[in-house]
């Protein structure tokens, strides 16, 4: 295996296991789900929250946070680890 191939594999592994991708993905998925629940909340759920559509607002906030993490990961990708010679 050449050094160039090894460098590409390291960079790919660093991007794959970047924690920003995991956090961003989870917040985005949960944000979409909670936003949809908030859109279809009935009057009883809204009355429980004293007139605030809490599911909708929290879903949108989670969606924004997830997209922020994914954008951050896309704009500033993780650097591959440097090889350590023993």
PDB file of N, CA and C in Angstrom:
ATOM      1  N   UNK A   1       0.859  -1.179   0.000  1.00  0.00           N
ATOM      2  CA  UNK A   1       0.000   0.000   0.000  1.00  0.00           C
ATOM      3  C   UNK A   1       0.903   1.240   0.000  1.00  0.00           C
ATOM      4  N   UNK A   2       0.605   2.166  -0.888  1.00  0.00           N
ATOM      5  CA  UNK A   2       1.435   3.358  -0.983  1.00  0.00           C
ATOM      6  C   UNK A   2       1.061   4.352   0.110  1.00  0.00           C
ATOM      7  N   UNK A   3       1.963   5.305   0.320  1.00  0.00           N
ATOM      8  CA  UNK A   3       1.711   6.332   1.334  1.00  0.00           C
ATOM      9  C   UNK A   3       0.490   7.173   0.988  1.00  0.00           C
ATOM     10  N   UNK A   4       0.292   7.424  -0.303  1.00  0.00           N
ATOM     11  CA  UNK A   4      -0.846   8.239  -0.726  1.00  0.00           C
ATOM     12  C   UNK A   4      -2.167   7.530  -0.413  1.00  0.00           C
ATOM     13  N   UNK A   5      -2.236   6.235  -0.659  1.00  0.00           N
ATOM     14  CA  UNK A   5      -3.443   5.460  -0.345  1.00  0.00           C
ATOM     15  C   UNK A   5      -3.693   5.439   1.158  1.00  0.00           C
ATOM     16  N   UNK A   6      -2.633   5.275   1.922  1.00  0.00           N
ATOM     17  CA  UNK A   6      -2.762   5.247   3.371  1.00  0.00           C
ATOM     18  C   UNK A   6      -3.244   6.594   3.903  1.00  0.00           C
ATOM     19  N   UNK A   7      -2.731   7.674   3.338  1.00  0.00           N
ATOM     20  CA  UNK A   7      -3.180   9.008   3.749  1.00  0.00           C
ATOM     21  C   UNK A   7      -4.660   9.215   3.439  1.00  0.00           C
ATOM     22  N   UNK A   8      -5.113   8.746   2.270  1.00  0.00           N
ATOM     23  CA  UNK A   8      -6.525   8.879   1.919  1.00  0.00           C
ATOM     24  C   UNK A   8      -7.403   8.057   2.857  1.00  0.00           C
ATOM     25  N   UNK A   9      -6.960   6.874   3.231  1.00  0.00           N
ATOM     26  CA  UNK A   9      -7.736   6.042   4.161  1.00  0.00           C
ATOM     27  C   UNK A   9      -7.804   6.681   5.547  1.00  0.00           C
ATOM     28  N   UNK A  10      -6.703   7.282   5.996  1.00  0.00           N
ATOM     29  CA  UNK A  10      -6.704   7.972   7.287  1.00  0.00           C
ATOM     30  C   UNK A  10      -7.669   9.161   7.273  1.00  0.00           C
ATOM     31  N   UNK A  11      -7.630   9.923   6.193  1.00  0.00           N
ATOM     32  CA  UNK A  11      -8.514  11.085   6.086  1.00  0.00           C
ATOM     33  C   UNK A  11      -9.973  10.643   6.055  1.00  0.00           C
ATOM     34  N   UNK A  12     -10.261   9.577   5.342  1.00  0.00           N
ATOM     35  CA  UNK A  12     -11.626   9.066   5.271  1.00  0.00           C
ATOM     36  C   UNK A  12     -12.101   8.575   6.635  1.00  0.00           C
ATOM     37  N   UNK A  13     -11.239   7.871   7.363  1.00  0.00           N
ATOM     38  CA  UNK A  13     -11.604   7.386   8.698  1.00  0.00           C
ATOM     39  C   UNK A  13     -11.807   8.548   9.665  1.00  0.00           C
ATOM     40  N   UNK A  14     -10.989   9.581   9.560  1.00  0.00           N
ATOM     41  CA  UNK A  14     -11.128  10.741  10.439  1.00  0.00           C
ATOM     42  C   UNK A  14     -12.460  11.436  10.194  1.00  0.00           C
ATOM     43  N   UNK A  15     -12.864  11.543   8.931  1.00  0.00           N
ATOM     44  CA  UNK A  15     -14.154  12.173   8.619  1.00  0.00           C
ATOM     45  C   UNK A  15     -15.320  11.289   9.036  1.00  0.00           C
ATOM     46  N   UNK A  16     -15.189   9.989   8.854  1.00  0.00           N
ATOM     47  CA  UNK A  16     -16.280   9.071   9.181  1.00  0.00           C
ATOM     48  C   UNK A  16     -16.584   9.070  10.671  1.00  0.00           C
ATOM     49  N   UNK A  17     -15.552   9.081  11.487  1.00  0.00           N
ATOM     50  CA  UNK A  17     -15.744   8.978  12.928  1.00  0.00           C
ATOM     51  C   UNK A  17     -15.711  10.333  13.635  1.00  0.00           C
ATOM     52  N   UNK A  18     -15.903  11.406  12.892  1.00  0.00           N
ATOM     53  CA  UNK A  18     -15.946  12.744  13.476  1.00  0.00           C
ATOM     54  C   UNK A  18     -17.217  12.865  14.314  1.00  0.00           C
ATOM     55  N   UNK A  19     -17.070  13.232  15.574  1.00  0.00           N
ATOM     56  CA  UNK A  19     -18.206  13.288  16.491  1.00  0.00           C
ATOM     57  C   UNK A  19     -19.227  14.343  16.070  1.00  0.00           C
ATOM     58  N   UNK A  20     -18.795  15.348  15.340  1.00  0.00           N
ATOM     59  CA  UNK A  20     -19.723  16.378  14.868  1.00  0.00           C
ATOM     60  C   UNK A  20     -20.745  15.783  13.899  1.00  0.00           C
ATOM     61  N   UNK A  21     -20.321  14.802  13.122  1.00  0.00           N
ATOM     62  CA  UNK A  21     -21.238  14.152  12.187  1.00  0.00           C
ATOM     63  C   UNK A  21     -22.312  13.363  12.947  1.00  0.00           C
ATOM     64  N   UNK A  22     -21.901  12.652  13.986  1.00  0.00           N
ATOM     65  CA  UNK A  22     -22.850  11.863  14.771  1.00  0.00           C
ATOM     66  C   UNK A  22     -23.834  12.781  15.495  1.00  0.00           C
ATOM     67  N   UNK A  23     -23.317  13.786  16.185  1.00  0.00           N
ATOM     68  CA  UNK A  23     -24.184  14.710  16.929  1.00  0.00           C
ATOM     69  C   UNK A  23     -25.108  15.460  15.974  1.00  0.00           C
ATOM     70  N   UNK A  24     -24.550  15.975  14.894  1.00  0.00           N
ATOM     71  CA  UNK A  24     -25.359  16.707  13.924  1.00  0.00           C
ATOM     72  C   UNK A  24     -26.434  15.841  13.292  1.00  0.00           C
ATOM     73  N   UNK A  25     -26.083  14.616  12.968  1.00  0.00           N
ATOM     74  CA  UNK A  25     -27.062  13.710  12.368  1.00  0.00           C
ATOM     75  C   UNK A  25     -28.198  13.383  13.318  1.00  0.00           C
ATOM     76  N   UNK A  26     -27.855  13.080  14.568  1.00  0.00           N
ATOM     77  CA  UNK A  26     -28.892  12.752  15.546  1.00  0.00           C
ATOM     78  C   UNK A  26     -29.806  13.943  15.827  1.00  0.00           C
ATOM     79  N   UNK A  27     -29.221  15.109  16.039  1.00  0.00           N
ATOM     80  CA  UNK A  27     -30.042  16.292  16.303  1.00  0.00           C
ATOM     81  C   UNK A  27     -30.922  16.638  15.100  1.00  0.00           C
ATOM     82  N   UNK A  28     -30.404  16.451  13.892  1.00  0.00           N
ATOM     83  CA  UNK A  28     -31.198  16.741  12.705  1.00  0.00           C
ATOM     84  C   UNK A  28     -32.378  15.783  12.584  1.00  0.00           C
ATOM     85  N   UNK A  29     -32.123  14.496  12.759  1.00  0.00           N
ATOM     86  CA  UNK A  29     -33.206  13.513  12.665  1.00  0.00           C
ATOM     87  C   UNK A  29     -34.249  13.746  13.758  1.00  0.00           C
ATOM     88  N   UNK A  30     -33.798  13.896  15.006  1.00  0.00           N
ATOM     89  CA  UNK A  30     -34.740  14.140  16.096  1.00  0.00           C
ATOM     90  C   UNK A  30     -35.463  15.475  15.920  1.00  0.00           C
ATOM     91  N   UNK A  31     -34.761  16.471  15.403  1.00  0.00           N
ATOM     92  CA  UNK A  31     -35.390  17.766  15.169  1.00  0.00           C
ATOM     93  C   UNK A  31     -36.510  17.685  14.156  1.00  0.00           C
ATOM     94  N   UNK A  32     -36.303  16.925  13.082  1.00  0.00           N
ATOM     95  CA  UNK A  32     -37.356  16.744  12.078  1.00  0.00           C
ATOM     96  C   UNK A  32     -38.557  16.041  12.705  1.00  0.00           C
ATOM     97  N   UNK A  33     -38.291  14.989  13.478  1.00  0.00           N
ATOM     98  CA  UNK A  33     -39.386  14.237  14.104  1.00  0.00           C
ATOM     99  C   UNK A  33     -40.179  15.121  15.066  1.00  0.00           C
ATOM    100  N   UNK A  34     -39.481  15.823  15.954  1.00  0.00           N
ATOM    101  CA  UNK A  34     -40.168  16.661  16.945  1.00  0.00           C
ATOM    102  C   UNK A  34     -40.881  17.833  16.277  1.00  0.00           C
ATOM    103  N   UNK A  35     -40.314  18.381  15.213  1.00  0.00           N
ATOM    104  CA  UNK A  35     -40.983  19.454  14.476  1.00  0.00           C
ATOM    105  C   UNK A  35     -42.287  18.955  13.869  1.00  0.00           C
ATOM    106  N   UNK A  36     -42.251  17.775  13.276  1.00  0.00           N
ATOM    107  CA  UNK A  36     -43.481  17.210  12.707  1.00  0.00           C
ATOM    108  C   UNK A  36     -44.525  16.943  13.781  1.00  0.00           C
ATOM    109  N   UNK A  37     -44.078  16.447  14.941  1.00  0.00           N
ATOM    110  CA  UNK A  37     -45.010  16.250  16.053  1.00  0.00           C
ATOM    111  C   UNK A  37     -45.603  17.596  16.468  1.00  0.00           C
ATOM    112  N   UNK A  38     -44.774  18.630  16.530  1.00  0.00           N
ATOM    113  CA  UNK A  38     -45.239  19.959  16.921  1.00  0.00           C
ATOM    114  C   UNK A  38     -46.215  20.571  15.933  1.00  0.00           C
ATOM    115  N   UNK A  39     -46.015  20.284  14.650  1.00  0.00           N
ATOM    116  CA  UNK A  39     -46.940  20.811  13.639  1.00  0.00           C
ATOM    117  C   UNK A  39     -48.325  20.202  13.825  1.00  0.00           C
ATOM    118  N   UNK A  40     -48.359  18.931  14.176  1.00  0.00           N
ATOM    119  CA  UNK A  40     -49.637  18.231  14.297  1.00  0.00           C
ATOM    120  C   UNK A  40     -50.133  18.110  15.738  1.00  0.00           C
ATOM    121  N   UNK A  41     -49.572  18.908  16.654  1.00  0.00           N
ATOM    122  CA  UNK A  41     -50.063  18.914  18.040  1.00  0.00           C
ATOM    123  C   UNK A  41     -51.537  19.322  18.079  1.00  0.00           C
ATOM    124  N   UNK A  42     -52.273  18.642  18.939  1.00  0.00           N
ATOM    125  CA  UNK A  42     -53.681  18.988  19.114  1.00  0.00           C
ATOM    126  C   UNK A  42     -53.839  20.044  20.191  1.00  0.00           C
ATOM    127  N   UNK A  43     -55.043  20.506  20.392  1.00  0.00           N
ATOM    128  CA  UNK A  43     -55.293  21.546  21.390  1.00  0.00           C
ATOM    129  C   UNK A  43     -54.957  21.100  22.815  1.00  0.00           C
ATOM    130  N   UNK A  44     -55.098  19.807  23.103  1.00  0.00           N
ATOM    131  CA  UNK A  44     -54.775  19.325  24.451  1.00  0.00           C
ATOM    132  C   UNK A  44     -53.286  19.459  24.759  1.00  0.00           C
ATOM    133  N   UNK A  45     -52.439  19.086  23.782  1.00  0.00           N
ATOM    134  CA  UNK A  45     -50.993  19.204  23.994  1.00  0.00           C
ATOM    135  C   UNK A  45     -50.565  20.656  24.135  1.00  0.00           C
ATOM    136  N   UNK A  46     -51.165  21.521  23.348  1.00  0.00           N
ATOM    137  CA  UNK A  46     -50.831  22.946  23.421  1.00  0.00           C
ATOM    138  C   UNK A  46     -51.301  23.531  24.753  1.00  0.00           C
ATOM    139  N   UNK A  47     -52.459  23.101  25.222  1.00  0.00           N
ATOM    140  CA  UNK A  47     -52.979  23.591  26.508  1.00  0.00           C
ATOM    141  C   UNK A  47     -52.091  23.130  27.667  1.00  0.00           C
ATOM    142  N   UNK A  48     -51.531  21.918  27.568  1.00  0.00           N
ATOM    143  CA  UNK A  48     -50.619  21.424  28.619  1.00  0.00           C
ATOM    144  C   UNK A  48     -49.403  22.320  28.761  1.00  0.00           C
ATOM    145  N   UNK A  49     -48.952  22.888  27.644  1.00  0.00           N
ATOM    146  CA  UNK A  49     -47.771  23.747  27.648  1.00  0.00           C
ATOM    147  C   UNK A  49     -48.149  25.215  27.766  1.00  0.00           C
ATOM    148  N   UNK A  50     -49.339  25.471  28.293  1.00  0.00           N
ATOM    149  CA  UNK A  50     -49.830  26.837  28.519  1.00  0.00           C
ATOM    150  C   UNK A  50     -49.831  27.686  27.258  1.00  0.00           C
ATOM    151  N   UNK A  51     -50.261  27.088  26.165  1.00  0.00           N
ATOM    152  CA  UNK A  51     -50.415  27.823  24.912  1.00  0.00           C
ATOM    153  C   UNK A  51     -49.170  27.901  24.048  1.00  0.00           C
ATOM    154  N   UNK A  52     -48.067  27.331  24.496  1.00  0.00           N
ATOM    155  CA  UNK A  52     -46.826  27.366  23.719  1.00  0.00           C
ATOM    156  C   UNK A  52     -46.715  26.070  22.924  1.00  0.00           C
ATOM    157  N   UNK A  53     -46.400  26.191  21.662  1.00  0.00           N
ATOM    158  CA  UNK A  53     -46.194  24.997  20.838  1.00  0.00           C
ATOM    159  C   UNK A  53     -44.758  24.513  21.060  1.00  0.00           C
ATOM    160  N   UNK A  54     -44.531  23.929  22.234  1.00  0.00           N
ATOM    161  CA  UNK A  54     -43.182  23.592  22.679  1.00  0.00           C
ATOM    162  C   UNK A  54     -42.513  22.563  21.765  1.00  0.00           C
ATOM    163  N   UNK A  55     -43.278  21.581  21.277  1.00  0.00           N
ATOM    164  CA  UNK A  55     -42.690  20.583  20.386  1.00  0.00           C
ATOM    165  C   UNK A  55     -42.200  21.219  19.091  1.00  0.00           C
ATOM    166  N   UNK A  56     -42.975  22.134  18.568  1.00  0.00           N
ATOM    167  CA  UNK A  56     -42.567  22.804  17.337  1.00  0.00           C
ATOM    168  C   UNK A  56     -41.298  23.622  17.551  1.00  0.00           C
ATOM    169  N   UNK A  57     -41.272  24.432  18.620  1.00  0.00           N
ATOM    170  CA  UNK A  57     -40.109  25.293  18.858  1.00  0.00           C
ATOM    171  C   UNK A  57     -38.856  24.489  19.202  1.00  0.00           C
ATOM    172  N   UNK A  58     -39.007  23.456  20.015  1.00  0.00           N
ATOM    173  CA  UNK A  58     -37.840  22.633  20.366  1.00  0.00           C
ATOM    174  C   UNK A  58     -37.370  21.815  19.163  1.00  0.00           C
ATOM    175  N   UNK A  59     -38.297  21.365  18.344  1.00  0.00           N
ATOM    176  CA  UNK A  59     -37.922  20.647  17.127  1.00  0.00           C
ATOM    177  C   UNK A  59     -37.137  21.531  16.172  1.00  0.00           C
ATOM    178  N   UNK A  60     -37.595  22.763  16.007  1.00  0.00           N
ATOM    179  CA  UNK A  60     -36.865  23.699  15.137  1.00  0.00           C
ATOM    180  C   UNK A  60     -35.487  24.032  15.705  1.00  0.00           C
ATOM    181  N   UNK A  61     -35.407  24.168  17.032  1.00  0.00           N
ATOM    182  CA  UNK A  61     -34.108  24.451  17.657  1.00  0.00           C
ATOM    183  C   UNK A  61     -33.157  23.262  17.484  1.00  0.00           C
ATOM    184  N   UNK A  62     -33.668  22.048  17.669  1.00  0.00           N
ATOM    185  CA  UNK A  62     -32.830  20.856  17.487  1.00  0.00           C
ATOM    186  C   UNK A  62     -32.388  20.716  16.036  1.00  0.00           C
ATOM    187  N   UNK A  63     -33.282  21.007  15.113  1.00  0.00           N
ATOM    188  CA  UNK A  63     -32.955  20.948  13.694  1.00  0.00           C
ATOM    189  C   UNK A  63     -31.872  21.968  13.351  1.00  0.00           C
ATOM    190  N   UNK A  64     -31.999  23.181  13.878  1.00  0.00           N
ATOM    191  CA  UNK A  64     -30.987  24.215  13.627  1.00  0.00           C
ATOM    192  C   UNK A  64     -29.632  23.809  14.210  1.00  0.00           C
ATOM    193  N   UNK A  65     -29.630  23.257  15.419  1.00  0.00           N
ATOM    194  CA  UNK A  65     -28.374  22.832  16.039  1.00  0.00           C
ATOM    195  C   UNK A  65     -27.731  21.692  15.244  1.00  0.00           C
ATOM    196  N   UNK A  66     -28.531  20.736  14.829  1.00  0.00           N
ATOM    197  CA  UNK A  66     -28.002  19.626  14.032  1.00  0.00           C
ATOM    198  C   UNK A  66     -27.400  20.103  12.726  1.00  0.00           C
ATOM    199  N   UNK A  67     -28.098  21.008  12.048  1.00  0.00           N
ATOM    200  CA  UNK A  67     -27.573  21.547  10.790  1.00  0.00           C
ATOM    201  C   UNK A  67     -26.322  22.388  11.023  1.00  0.00           C
ATOM    202  N   UNK A  68     -26.247  23.055  12.165  1.00  0.00           N
ATOM    203  CA  UNK A  68     -25.047  23.822  12.507  1.00  0.00           C
ATOM    204  C   UNK A  68     -23.837  22.891  12.662  1.00  0.00           C
ATOM    205  N   UNK A  69     -24.027  21.786  13.363  1.00  0.00           N
ATOM    206  CA  UNK A  69     -22.942  20.823  13.531  1.00  0.00           C
ATOM    207  C   UNK A  69     -22.517  20.225  12.189  1.00  0.00           C
ATOM    208  N   UNK A  70     -23.483  19.870  11.346  1.00  0.00           N
ATOM    209  CA  UNK A  70     -23.146  19.294  10.044  1.00  0.00           C
ATOM    210  C   UNK A  70     -22.445  20.314   9.140  1.00  0.00           C
ATOM    211  N   UNK A  71     -22.879  21.573   9.213  1.00  0.00           N
ATOM    212  CA  UNK A  71     -22.217  22.622   8.434  1.00  0.00           C
ATOM    213  C   UNK A  71     -20.795  22.841   8.923  1.00  0.00           C
ATOM    214  N   UNK A  72     -20.615  22.858  10.237  1.00  0.00           N
ATOM    215  CA  UNK A  72     -19.283  23.009  10.828  1.00  0.00           C
ATOM    216  C   UNK A  72     -18.368  21.878  10.368  1.00  0.00           C
ATOM    217  N   UNK A  73     -18.874  20.664  10.387  1.00  0.00           N
ATOM    218  CA  UNK A  73     -18.080  19.516   9.968  1.00  0.00           C
ATOM    219  C   UNK A  73     -17.745  19.604   8.485  1.00  0.00           C
ATOM    220  N   UNK A  74     -18.671  20.127   7.685  1.00  0.00           N
ATOM    221  CA  UNK A  74     -18.440  20.238   6.247  1.00  0.00           C
ATOM    222  C   UNK A  74     -17.425  21.344   5.936  1.00  0.00           C
ATOM    223  N   UNK A  75     -17.518  22.482   6.658  1.00  0.00           N
ATOM    224  CA  UNK A  75     -16.613  23.598   6.402  1.00  0.00           C
ATOM    225  C   UNK A  75     -15.211  23.366   6.952  1.00  0.00           C
ATOM    226  N   UNK A  76     -15.102  22.677   8.089  1.00  0.00           N
ATOM    227  CA  UNK A  76     -13.815  22.425   8.731  1.00  0.00           C
ATOM    228  C   UNK A  76     -13.654  20.923   8.968  1.00  0.00           C
ATOM    229  N   UNK A  77     -13.355  20.142   7.922  1.00  0.00           N
ATOM    230  CA  UNK A  77     -13.247  18.690   8.098  1.00  0.00           C
ATOM    231  C   UNK A  77     -12.103  18.335   9.044  1.00  0.00           C
ATOM    232  N   UNK A  78     -12.248  17.187   9.661  1.00  0.00           N
ATOM    233  CA  UNK A  78     -11.233  16.724  10.622  1.00  0.00           C
ATOM    234  C   UNK A  78      -9.944  16.398   9.890  1.00  0.00           C
ATOM    235  N   UNK A  79      -8.837  16.746  10.517  1.00  0.00           N
ATOM    236  CA  UNK A  79      -7.539  16.392   9.967  1.00  0.00           C
ATOM    237  C   UNK A  79      -7.248  14.932  10.275  1.00  0.00           C
ATOM    238  N   UNK A  80      -6.635  14.236   9.324  1.00  0.00           N
ATOM    239  CA  UNK A  80      -6.293  12.842   9.614  1.00  0.00           C
ATOM    240  C   UNK A  80      -5.210  12.777  10.682  1.00  0.00           C
ATOM    241  N   UNK A  81      -5.219  11.716  11.477  1.00  0.00           N
ATOM    242  CA  UNK A  81      -4.185  11.594  12.504  1.00  0.00           C
ATOM    243  C   UNK A  81      -2.812  11.431  11.887  1.00  0.00           C
ATOM    244  N   UNK A  82      -1.830  11.967  12.562  1.00  0.00           N
ATOM    245  CA  UNK A  82      -0.463  11.819  12.073  1.00  0.00           C
ATOM    246  C   UNK A  82       0.084  10.462  12.498  1.00  0.00           C
ATOM    247  N   UNK A  83       0.796   9.797  11.599  1.00  0.00           N
ATOM    248  CA  UNK A  83       1.341   8.491  11.960  1.00  0.00           C
ATOM    249  C   UNK A  83       2.430   8.636  13.029  1.00  0.00           C
ATOM    250  N   UNK A  84       2.457   7.675  13.920  1.00  0.00           N
ATOM    251  CA  UNK A  84       3.456   7.681  14.981  1.00  0.00           C
ATOM    252  C   UNK A  84       4.400   6.511  14.757  1.00  0.00           C
ATOM    253  N   UNK A  85       5.648   6.818  14.606  1.00  0.00           N
ATOM    254  CA  UNK A  85       6.665   5.780  14.414  1.00  0.00           C
ATOM    255  C   UNK A  85       7.290   5.434  15.764  1.00  0.00           C
ATOM    256  N   UNK A  86       7.361   4.150  16.069  1.00  0.00           N
ATOM    257  CA  UNK A  86       7.937   3.710  17.331  1.00  0.00           C
ATOM    258  C   UNK A  86       9.292   3.097  17.114  1.00  0.00           C
TER     259      UNK A  86
END
